[in-house]
Amino acid sequence: MDGRLELFRGVVHPWHHDHFGHMNVRHYAPLFDDATYHLWTLLGLPYSEMIERHAVHTVAAKATTTFVRELVAGDLVVIDGAVLRIGTKSVTFQLRMHHADTGALHATYDSVEVFFSPETRGSTPIPDEIRTILAARQVDQA
């Protein structure tokens, strides 16, 4: 999977449909958001550890969804993700939603997360240990 991690699997239900008969845009966000939670743990950096060990966590600063192909009830989806860019205080993840049966790409999600100090209530540089882990999983833009 070219350095990407499988993060989430799900199914499209009839209540995800809109009046056009396909999954409405508002239902993509929860699937991608759930996948992002799994991403941190699969990187070996669960939120609890980041807070306890490094006194940081992340906050979402920007999320961009690109819709490629519609989904309908009964479609099975799989979401993978990877580190795309690492800044001084932020990291950009790219997640992709594929059809589990066909492999067709249905949507992408680029998320910028800023490292945050609960103590100062502001952004903070990425701790070196976390930066090393992120850099090991960084991929070229797809």
C-alpha atoms as a PDB file:
ATOM      1  CA  MET A   1       0.000   0.000   0.000  1.00  0.00           C
ATOM      2  CA  ASP A   2       2.979   2.312  -0.687  1.00  0.00           C
ATOM      3  CA  GLY A   3       3.649   3.315   2.927  1.00  0.00           C
ATOM      4  CA  ARG A   4       0.020   4.026   3.700  1.00  0.00           C
ATOM      5  CA  LEU A   5      -1.831   2.569   6.648  1.00  0.00           C
ATOM      6  CA  GLU A   6      -5.283   1.032   6.448  1.00  0.00           C
ATOM      7  CA  LEU A   7      -7.288   3.054   8.962  1.00  0.00           C
ATOM      8  CA  PHE A   8     -10.966   2.286   8.636  1.00  0.00           C
ATOM      9  CA  ARG A   9     -13.585   0.100   6.955  1.00  0.00           C
ATOM     10  CA  GLY A  10     -17.263   0.893   6.713  1.00  0.00           C
ATOM     11  CA  VAL A  11     -20.477   0.485   4.769  1.00  0.00           C
ATOM     12  CA  VAL A  12     -22.747   3.046   3.120  1.00  0.00           C
ATOM     13  CA  HIS A  13     -26.276   2.802   4.538  1.00  0.00           C
ATOM     14  CA  PRO A  14     -29.545   3.984   2.970  1.00  0.00           C
ATOM     15  CA  TRP A  15     -29.813   6.816   5.532  1.00  0.00           C
ATOM     16  CA  HIS A  16     -26.571   8.235   4.113  1.00  0.00           C
ATOM     17  CA  HIS A  17     -28.434   8.997   0.856  1.00  0.00           C
ATOM     18  CA  ASP A  18     -29.597  12.427  -0.162  1.00  0.00           C
ATOM     19  CA  HIS A  19     -32.334  13.335  -2.624  1.00  0.00           C
ATOM     20  CA  PHE A  20     -29.994  12.449  -5.518  1.00  0.00           C
ATOM     21  CA  GLY A  21     -29.745   8.826  -4.373  1.00  0.00           C
ATOM     22  CA  HIS A  22     -26.103   8.756  -3.307  1.00  0.00           C
ATOM     23  CA  MET A  23     -24.156   9.345  -0.085  1.00  0.00           C
ATOM     24  CA  ASN A  24     -24.472  12.992   0.909  1.00  0.00           C
ATOM     25  CA  VAL A  25     -21.277  14.990   1.441  1.00  0.00           C
ATOM     26  CA  ARG A  26     -21.942  15.418   5.170  1.00  0.00           C
ATOM     27  CA  HIS A  27     -21.489  11.689   5.760  1.00  0.00           C
ATOM     28  CA  TYR A  28     -17.931  11.592   4.428  1.00  0.00           C
ATOM     29  CA  ALA A  29     -16.617  13.778   7.256  1.00  0.00           C
ATOM     30  CA  PRO A  30     -17.390  11.367  10.141  1.00  0.00           C
ATOM     31  CA  LEU A  31     -15.777   8.453   8.294  1.00  0.00           C
ATOM     32  CA  PHE A  32     -12.609  10.439   7.600  1.00  0.00           C
ATOM     33  CA  ASP A  33     -12.590  11.839  11.144  1.00  0.00           C
ATOM     34  CA  ASP A  34     -12.840   8.366  12.685  1.00  0.00           C
ATOM     35  CA  ALA A  35     -10.027   7.187  10.421  1.00  0.00           C
ATOM     36  CA  THR A  36      -7.822  10.069  11.599  1.00  0.00           C
ATOM     37  CA  TYR A  37      -8.193   8.954  15.219  1.00  0.00           C
ATOM     38  CA  HIS A  38      -6.953   5.513  14.204  1.00  0.00           C
ATOM     39  CA  LEU A  39      -4.055   7.044  12.265  1.00  0.00           C
ATOM     40  CA  TRP A  40      -2.387   8.408  15.399  1.00  0.00           C
ATOM     41  CA  THR A  41      -2.595   5.057  17.196  1.00  0.00           C
ATOM     42  CA  LEU A  42      -1.339   3.123  14.163  1.00  0.00           C
ATOM     43  CA  LEU A  43       1.607   5.527  13.954  1.00  0.00           C
ATOM     44  CA  GLY A  44       2.408   4.511  17.530  1.00  0.00           C
ATOM     45  CA  LEU A  45       1.352   7.907  18.887  1.00  0.00           C
ATOM     46  CA  PRO A  46      -1.989   7.534  20.657  1.00  0.00           C
ATOM     47  CA  TYR A  47      -3.365  10.826  21.958  1.00  0.00           C
ATOM     48  CA  SER A  48      -2.981   9.699  25.557  1.00  0.00           C
ATOM     49  CA  GLU A  49       0.735   9.135  25.022  1.00  0.00           C
ATOM     50  CA  MET A  50       1.243  12.438  23.247  1.00  0.00           C
ATOM     51  CA  ILE A  51      -0.371  14.263  26.145  1.00  0.00           C
ATOM     52  CA  GLU A  52       1.346  12.294  28.936  1.00  0.00           C
ATOM     53  CA  ARG A  53       4.792  11.980  27.359  1.00  0.00           C
ATOM     54  CA  HIS A  54       5.114  15.117  25.283  1.00  0.00           C
ATOM     55  CA  ALA A  55       2.539  17.511  26.825  1.00  0.00           C
ATOM     56  CA  VAL A  56       1.000  18.112  23.376  1.00  0.00           C
ATOM     57  CA  HIS A  57      -1.889  17.001  21.254  1.00  0.00           C
ATOM     58  CA  THR A  58      -3.146  18.179  17.883  1.00  0.00           C
ATOM     59  CA  VAL A  59      -6.069  20.295  16.769  1.00  0.00           C
ATOM     60  CA  ALA A  60      -7.599  20.340  13.316  1.00  0.00           C
ATOM     61  CA  ALA A  61      -6.736  23.509  11.418  1.00  0.00           C
ATOM     62  CA  LYS A  62      -7.948  22.659   7.931  1.00  0.00           C
ATOM     63  CA  ALA A  63      -9.703  19.777   6.202  1.00  0.00           C
ATOM     64  CA  THR A  64     -10.286  19.535   2.466  1.00  0.00           C
ATOM     65  CA  THR A  65     -12.405  16.789   0.950  1.00  0.00           C
ATOM     66  CA  THR A  66     -12.285  16.068  -2.773  1.00  0.00           C
ATOM     67  CA  PHE A  67     -15.190  14.011  -4.070  1.00  0.00           C
ATOM     68  CA  VAL A  68     -14.248  11.746  -6.957  1.00  0.00           C
ATOM     69  CA  ARG A  69     -17.021   9.193  -7.443  1.00  0.00           C
ATOM     70  CA  GLU A  70     -20.417   8.711  -5.817  1.00  0.00           C
ATOM     71  CA  LEU A  71     -21.232   5.985  -3.297  1.00  0.00           C
ATOM     72  CA  VAL A  72     -24.567   4.244  -2.798  1.00  0.00           C
ATOM     73  CA  ALA A  73     -26.150   2.064  -0.127  1.00  0.00           C
ATOM     74  CA  GLY A  74     -24.368  -1.245   0.243  1.00  0.00           C
ATOM     75  CA  ASP A  75     -21.000   0.029  -0.977  1.00  0.00           C
ATOM     76  CA  LEU A  76     -18.130  -1.038   1.253  1.00  0.00           C
ATOM     77  CA  VAL A  77     -15.375   1.513   1.802  1.00  0.00           C
ATOM     78  CA  VAL A  78     -11.831   1.343   3.085  1.00  0.00           C
ATOM     79  CA  ILE A  79      -9.839   4.403   4.107  1.00  0.00           C
ATOM     80  CA  ASP A  80      -6.058   4.533   4.080  1.00  0.00           C
ATOM     81  CA  GLY A  81      -3.829   7.363   5.155  1.00  0.00           C
ATOM     82  CA  ALA A  82      -0.295   8.670   5.290  1.00  0.00           C
ATOM     83  CA  VAL A  83       1.805  11.627   6.355  1.00  0.00           C
ATOM     84  CA  LEU A  84       2.055  14.027   3.429  1.00  0.00           C
ATOM     85  CA  ARG A  85       3.891  17.071   4.837  1.00  0.00           C
ATOM     86  CA  ILE A  86       5.607  17.962   8.093  1.00  0.00           C
ATOM     87  CA  GLY A  87       5.988  21.576   9.098  1.00  0.00           C
ATOM     88  CA  THR A  88       7.429  23.262  12.171  1.00  0.00           C
ATOM     89  CA  LYS A  89       4.187  23.073  14.159  1.00  0.00           C
ATOM     90  CA  SER A  90       1.863  21.115  11.878  1.00  0.00           C
ATOM     91  CA  VAL A  91       1.457  17.905   9.939  1.00  0.00           C
ATOM     92  CA  THR A  92      -0.654  17.248   6.846  1.00  0.00           C
ATOM     93  CA  PHE A  93      -2.272  13.867   6.406  1.00  0.00           C
ATOM     94  CA  GLN A  94      -3.775  12.581   3.193  1.00  0.00           C
ATOM     95  CA  LEU A  95      -6.537  10.016   3.503  1.00  0.00           C
ATOM     96  CA  ARG A  96      -8.113   8.168   0.583  1.00  0.00           C
ATOM     97  CA  MET A  97     -11.483   6.441   0.490  1.00  0.00           C
ATOM     98  CA  HIS A  98     -11.632   3.477  -1.860  1.00  0.00           C
ATOM     99  CA  HIS A  99     -14.347   1.009  -2.716  1.00  0.00           C
ATOM    100  CA  ALA A 100     -13.423  -2.184  -0.824  1.00  0.00           C
ATOM    101  CA  ASP A 101     -14.545  -4.469  -3.671  1.00  0.00           C
ATOM    102  CA  THR A 102     -13.278  -2.622  -6.738  1.00  0.00           C
ATOM    103  CA  GLY A 103     -10.463  -0.458  -5.373  1.00  0.00           C
ATOM    104  CA  ALA A 104     -11.969   2.586  -7.120  1.00  0.00           C
ATOM    105  CA  LEU A 105     -11.096   5.922  -5.531  1.00  0.00           C
ATOM    106  CA  HIS A 106     -14.177   7.751  -4.209  1.00  0.00           C
ATOM    107  CA  ALA A 107     -12.771  10.650  -2.172  1.00  0.00           C
ATOM    108  CA  THR A 108      -9.616  12.134  -0.694  1.00  0.00           C
ATOM    109  CA  TYR A 109      -9.223  14.103   2.516  1.00  0.00           C
ATOM    110  CA  ASP A 110      -6.268  16.366   3.264  1.00  0.00           C
ATOM    111  CA  SER A 111      -6.112  17.347   6.923  1.00  0.00           C
ATOM    112  CA  VAL A 112      -3.747  19.842   8.526  1.00  0.00           C
ATOM    113  CA  GLU A 113      -3.308  19.265  12.249  1.00  0.00           C
ATOM    114  CA  VAL A 114      -1.456  21.765  14.429  1.00  0.00           C
ATOM    115  CA  PHE A 115       0.444  20.688  17.522  1.00  0.00           C
ATOM    116  CA  PHE A 116      -1.066  22.318  20.569  1.00  0.00           C
ATOM    117  CA  SER A 117       0.059  22.829  24.160  1.00  0.00           C
ATOM    118  CA  PRO A 118      -2.813  22.381  26.637  1.00  0.00           C
ATOM    119  CA  GLU A 119      -0.752  24.359  29.148  1.00  0.00           C
ATOM    120  CA  THR A 120      -0.221  27.487  27.047  1.00  0.00           C
ATOM    121  CA  ARG A 121      -3.394  27.012  24.958  1.00  0.00           C
ATOM    122  CA  GLY A 122      -1.398  27.736  21.812  1.00  0.00           C
ATOM    123  CA  SER A 123       0.454  26.083  18.965  1.00  0.00           C
ATOM    124  CA  THR A 124       3.821  24.550  19.711  1.00  0.00           C
ATOM    125  CA  PRO A 125       6.684  22.996  17.692  1.00  0.00           C
ATOM    126  CA  ILE A 126       6.455  19.282  16.955  1.00  0.00           C
ATOM    127  CA  PRO A 127       8.531  17.390  19.548  1.00  0.00           C
ATOM    128  CA  ASP A 128      11.618  15.767  17.986  1.00  0.00           C
ATOM    129  CA  GLU A 129      10.564  12.211  18.868  1.00  0.00           C
ATOM    130  CA  ILE A 130       7.173  12.704  17.221  1.00  0.00           C
ATOM    131  CA  ARG A 131       8.777  14.370  14.185  1.00  0.00           C
ATOM    132  CA  THR A 132      11.026  11.313  13.719  1.00  0.00           C
ATOM    133  CA  ILE A 133       8.035   8.953  13.791  1.00  0.00           C
ATOM    134  CA  LEU A 134       6.081  11.130  11.338  1.00  0.00           C
ATOM    135  CA  ALA A 135       9.049  11.436   8.960  1.00  0.00           C
ATOM    136  CA  ALA A 136       9.416   7.650   8.820  1.00  0.00           C
ATOM    137  CA  ARG A 137       5.833   7.399   7.478  1.00  0.00           C
ATOM    138  CA  GLN A 138       5.939  10.361   5.075  1.00  0.00           C
ATOM    139  CA  VAL A 139       4.967   9.617   1.466  1.00  0.00           C
ATOM    140  CA  ASP A 140       5.055  11.560  -1.773  1.00  0.00           C
ATOM    141  CA  GLN A 141       1.796  13.231  -2.753  1.00  0.00           C
ATOM    142  CA  ALA A 142      -0.453  10.819  -4.650  1.00  0.00           C
END
